[in-house]
Protein backbone atom coordinates (compact mmCIF):
# COMPACT_ATOMS: atom_id res chain seq x y z
CA UNK A 1 95.94 123.46 89.43
CA UNK A 2 96.63 127.03 90.55
CA UNK A 3 100.08 128.09 91.71
CA UNK A 4 98.81 128.76 95.23
CA UNK A 5 97.64 125.14 95.51
CA UNK A 6 100.88 123.83 93.98
CA UNK A 7 102.96 125.73 96.54
CA UNK A 8 100.72 124.56 99.38
CA UNK A 9 100.93 120.90 98.30
CA UNK A 10 104.69 120.99 97.81
CA UNK A 11 105.27 122.73 101.13
CA UNK A 12 103.14 120.13 102.91
CA UNK A 13 105.10 117.22 101.40
CA UNK A 14 108.44 118.90 102.10
CA UNK A 15 107.46 119.46 105.73
CA UNK A 16 106.61 115.77 106.17
CA UNK A 17 109.81 114.71 104.43
CA UNK A 18 111.85 117.00 106.65
CA UNK A 19 110.29 115.61 109.81
CA UNK A 20 110.87 112.03 108.68
CA UNK A 21 114.44 112.51 107.51
CA UNK A 22 115.44 114.28 110.70
CA UNK A 23 114.35 111.19 112.60
CA UNK A 24 117.07 109.39 110.66
CA UNK A 25 119.80 112.04 110.62
CA UNK A 26 120.20 115.73 109.94
CA UNK A 27 122.58 114.65 107.16
CA UNK A 28 120.05 112.33 105.50
CA UNK A 29 118.94 113.81 102.16
CA UNK A 30 115.73 112.74 100.41
CA UNK A 31 114.87 113.41 96.77
CA UNK A 32 111.19 113.88 95.88
CA UNK A 33 109.90 112.56 92.55
CA UNK A 34 106.51 113.92 91.56
CA UNK A 35 104.50 111.09 89.98
CA UNK A 36 102.57 112.81 87.22
CA UNK A 37 100.86 109.86 85.53
CA UNK A 38 97.34 111.10 86.32
CA UNK A 39 98.15 114.76 85.80
CA UNK A 40 98.46 117.14 82.89
CA UNK A 41 101.51 118.91 81.54
CA UNK A 42 99.98 122.12 82.86
CA UNK A 43 99.94 120.67 86.38
CA UNK A 44 103.58 119.62 86.04
CA UNK A 45 104.49 123.13 84.87
CA UNK A 46 102.65 124.62 87.85
CA UNK A 47 104.56 122.41 90.29
CA UNK A 48 107.76 123.38 88.51
CA UNK A 49 106.92 127.03 89.15
CA UNK A 50 106.45 126.09 92.83
CA UNK A 51 109.93 124.57 92.96
CA UNK A 52 109.56 120.87 92.05
CA UNK A 53 112.03 119.66 89.43
CA UNK A 54 111.88 115.83 89.17
CA UNK A 55 108.88 113.96 87.79
CA UNK A 56 108.10 110.31 87.11
CA UNK A 57 105.95 108.62 84.48
CA UNK A 58 104.73 105.01 84.29
CA UNK A 59 104.18 104.78 80.54
CA UNK A 60 106.65 105.50 77.78
CA UNK A 61 104.06 107.24 75.61
CA UNK A 62 103.04 109.56 78.47
CA UNK A 63 106.66 110.37 79.21
CA UNK A 64 107.19 111.22 75.55
CA UNK A 65 104.14 113.46 75.36
CA UNK A 66 104.82 115.44 78.54
CA UNK A 67 108.56 115.75 78.01
CA UNK A 68 107.90 117.15 74.53
CA UNK A 69 105.17 119.51 75.71
CA UNK A 70 107.45 120.79 78.49
CA UNK A 71 110.76 120.66 76.67
CA UNK A 72 111.44 124.32 77.41
CA UNK A 73 111.62 123.54 81.15
CA UNK A 74 114.78 121.97 82.66
CA UNK A 75 112.88 119.02 84.13
CA UNK A 76 114.34 115.77 85.41
CA UNK A 77 112.30 112.86 84.05
CA UNK A 78 112.21 109.41 85.66
CA UNK A 79 110.64 106.29 84.19
CA UNK A 80 108.99 104.35 87.02
CA UNK A 81 106.69 101.86 85.29
CA UNK A 82 107.07 98.37 83.92
CA UNK A 83 109.05 98.51 80.69
CA UNK A 84 107.86 96.27 77.89
CA UNK A 85 110.65 95.04 75.63
CA UNK A 86 108.97 96.45 72.54
CA UNK A 87 109.14 99.93 74.10
CA UNK A 88 112.84 99.86 74.97
CA UNK A 89 113.99 101.79 71.89
CA UNK A 90 111.33 104.43 72.48
CA UNK A 91 112.48 104.94 76.07
CA UNK A 92 116.14 105.15 75.05
CA UNK A 93 115.29 107.92 72.60
CA UNK A 94 113.69 109.93 75.43
CA UNK A 95 116.92 109.95 77.49
CA UNK A 96 115.32 109.76 80.95
CA UNK A 97 117.43 110.93 83.86
CA UNK A 98 116.78 107.64 85.65
CA UNK A 99 114.99 104.41 84.78
CA UNK A 100 113.82 103.15 88.16
CA UNK A 101 112.14 99.87 87.20
CA UNK A 102 114.78 97.51 85.85
CA UNK A 103 112.95 94.43 87.11
CA UNK A 104 114.94 91.46 85.77
CA UNK A 105 118.34 90.41 84.48
CA UNK A 106 116.71 89.47 81.17
CA UNK A 107 115.39 93.01 80.73
CA UNK A 108 118.82 94.38 81.60
CA UNK A 109 120.45 92.28 78.87
CA UNK A 110 117.90 93.43 76.28
CA UNK A 111 118.20 97.07 77.34
CA UNK A 112 121.98 96.92 77.26
CA UNK A 113 121.98 95.40 73.77
CA UNK A 114 119.76 98.16 72.38
CA UNK A 115 121.74 100.86 74.19
CA UNK A 116 124.87 99.49 72.53
CA UNK A 117 123.27 99.72 69.09
CA UNK A 118 122.30 103.35 69.75
CA UNK A 119 125.67 104.09 71.38
CA UNK A 120 123.99 105.39 74.51
CA UNK A 121 124.08 104.83 78.27
CA UNK A 122 121.21 104.77 80.75
CA UNK A 123 121.15 105.19 84.52
CA UNK A 124 118.92 102.60 86.19
CA UNK A 125 117.77 101.22 89.52
CA UNK A 126 117.30 97.51 90.10
CA UNK A 127 113.71 96.87 91.18
CA UNK A 128 113.34 94.44 94.07
CA UNK A 129 110.14 92.61 94.98
CA UNK A 130 110.77 92.90 98.69
CA UNK A 131 107.07 92.46 99.43
CA UNK A 132 107.10 88.99 97.80
CA UNK A 133 103.84 89.80 96.02
CA UNK A 134 102.86 88.20 92.73
CA UNK A 135 101.23 91.44 91.60
CA UNK A 136 104.58 93.23 91.74
CA UNK A 137 107.54 92.85 89.42
CA UNK A 138 111.15 92.89 90.54
CA UNK A 139 113.90 90.48 91.43
CA UNK A 140 113.77 88.16 94.41
CA UNK A 141 115.58 89.77 97.36
CA UNK A 142 117.63 86.58 97.84
CA UNK A 143 118.96 86.94 94.30
CA UNK A 144 119.23 90.73 94.17
CA UNK A 145 122.90 91.08 95.10
CA UNK A 146 124.03 88.48 92.56
CA UNK A 147 121.86 90.03 89.82
CA UNK A 148 123.17 93.49 90.66
CA UNK A 149 126.73 92.23 90.23
CA UNK A 150 125.88 90.42 86.98
CA UNK A 151 124.42 93.60 85.48
CA UNK A 152 127.51 95.55 86.48
CA UNK A 153 129.74 92.92 84.89
CA UNK A 154 127.76 92.15 81.74
CA UNK A 155 125.81 95.30 80.87
CA UNK A 156 128.38 98.07 80.32
CA UNK A 157 125.83 100.49 78.89
CA UNK A 158 123.67 100.40 82.02
CA UNK A 159 124.83 102.60 84.88
CA UNK A 160 123.35 101.07 88.01
CA UNK A 161 122.65 103.77 90.58
CA UNK A 162 120.96 101.72 93.30
CA UNK A 163 117.72 99.92 94.05
CA UNK A 164 113.98 100.52 94.04
CA UNK A 165 111.03 98.76 95.61
CA UNK A 166 107.33 99.24 96.26
CA UNK A 167 106.16 98.76 99.83
CA UNK A 168 103.95 95.82 100.73
CA UNK A 169 100.27 96.26 99.86
CA UNK A 170 99.00 95.91 103.39
CA UNK A 171 97.27 97.77 106.19
CA UNK A 172 99.81 96.33 108.62
CA UNK A 173 102.54 98.88 109.24
CA UNK A 174 104.98 96.18 110.39
CA UNK A 175 104.57 94.28 107.12
CA UNK A 176 105.20 97.42 105.08
CA UNK A 177 108.18 98.35 107.22
CA UNK A 178 109.67 94.88 106.84
CA UNK A 179 109.52 95.15 103.05
CA UNK A 180 111.36 98.47 103.21
CA UNK A 181 114.02 97.11 105.56
CA UNK A 182 114.67 94.20 103.20
CA UNK A 183 115.37 96.64 100.38
CA UNK A 184 117.49 98.90 102.59
CA UNK A 185 119.67 95.93 103.56
CA UNK A 186 120.30 95.17 99.89
CA UNK A 187 121.03 98.85 99.24
CA UNK A 188 123.64 98.83 102.01
CA UNK A 189 125.28 95.84 100.32
CA UNK A 190 125.54 97.55 96.92
CA UNK A 191 126.77 100.95 98.12
CA UNK A 192 130.31 99.62 97.73
CA UNK A 193 129.52 99.12 94.01
CA UNK A 194 128.61 102.77 93.56
CA UNK A 195 124.91 102.73 94.49
CA UNK A 196 123.58 106.12 95.56
CA UNK A 197 119.79 105.74 95.50
CA UNK A 198 117.45 103.68 97.65
CA UNK A 199 114.09 104.55 96.10
CA UNK A 200 111.26 103.50 98.43
CA UNK A 201 107.99 105.07 99.45
CA UNK A 202 104.96 106.45 97.66
CA UNK A 203 102.14 108.82 98.58
CA UNK A 204 100.70 106.53 101.26
CA UNK A 205 103.91 105.37 102.96
CA UNK A 206 106.81 107.68 102.13
CA UNK A 207 107.30 108.89 105.70
CA UNK A 208 107.73 105.30 106.91
CA UNK A 209 110.04 104.57 103.97
CA UNK A 210 112.27 107.51 104.85
CA UNK A 211 112.62 106.38 108.46
CA UNK A 212 113.65 102.97 107.06
CA UNK A 213 116.43 104.60 105.04
CA UNK A 214 114.90 105.67 101.73
CA UNK A 215 116.61 108.62 100.06
CA UNK A 216 114.23 108.89 97.11
CA UNK A 217 110.42 108.88 97.23
CA UNK A 218 107.74 108.84 94.52
CA UNK A 219 104.80 111.05 95.47
CA UNK A 220 101.72 111.56 93.32
CA UNK A 221 98.39 112.33 94.95
CA UNK A 222 99.89 114.42 97.76
CA UNK A 223 101.39 116.80 95.21
CA UNK A 224 98.75 116.97 92.52
CA UNK A 225 95.49 117.11 94.48
């Protein structure tokens, strides 16, 4: 990726984000996470030079490799993939800015226990399966509020910062929108507990997600191609 292309891609995404957020409110702020799972460290560095600062990885080993290769840059790394329990210690050692895919109470308990042993804290988002799809992980929306409270009460080493969900895998815009609105409703309920992030929307649907209230989006192909 050349810098000219990186600037062009980032400007295009920012323009779309701006248009979408202004349909919500001029005060609505949206954070862009560049999903770099199919890209090289060189591509990440080029987007950094264009002005992008936050990046997300789906696999612990990829996050480790790229964060080490780019350690001289003040990047903000997010973990956005499914976390296997045998990789928890490895992720803790990488100190991600935000772990976005805390997809069960059981995982939260295990993560908290290992954070305690390492005397560390981790900021996380509770992942919600608002699309009700078996292919997706995440807690049931009907149980999300109770699980959120239980993590706050029983996992002192986890700093819950909000919620995350993946839009419905559908060609029907109404179905996708409904999945986003379900998550936004839960987000509104946990704001009083200190939630600040409602992470919804990816390359194919982030504009719709923003109009539904998302304040954090995960964009890959639109930035790196």
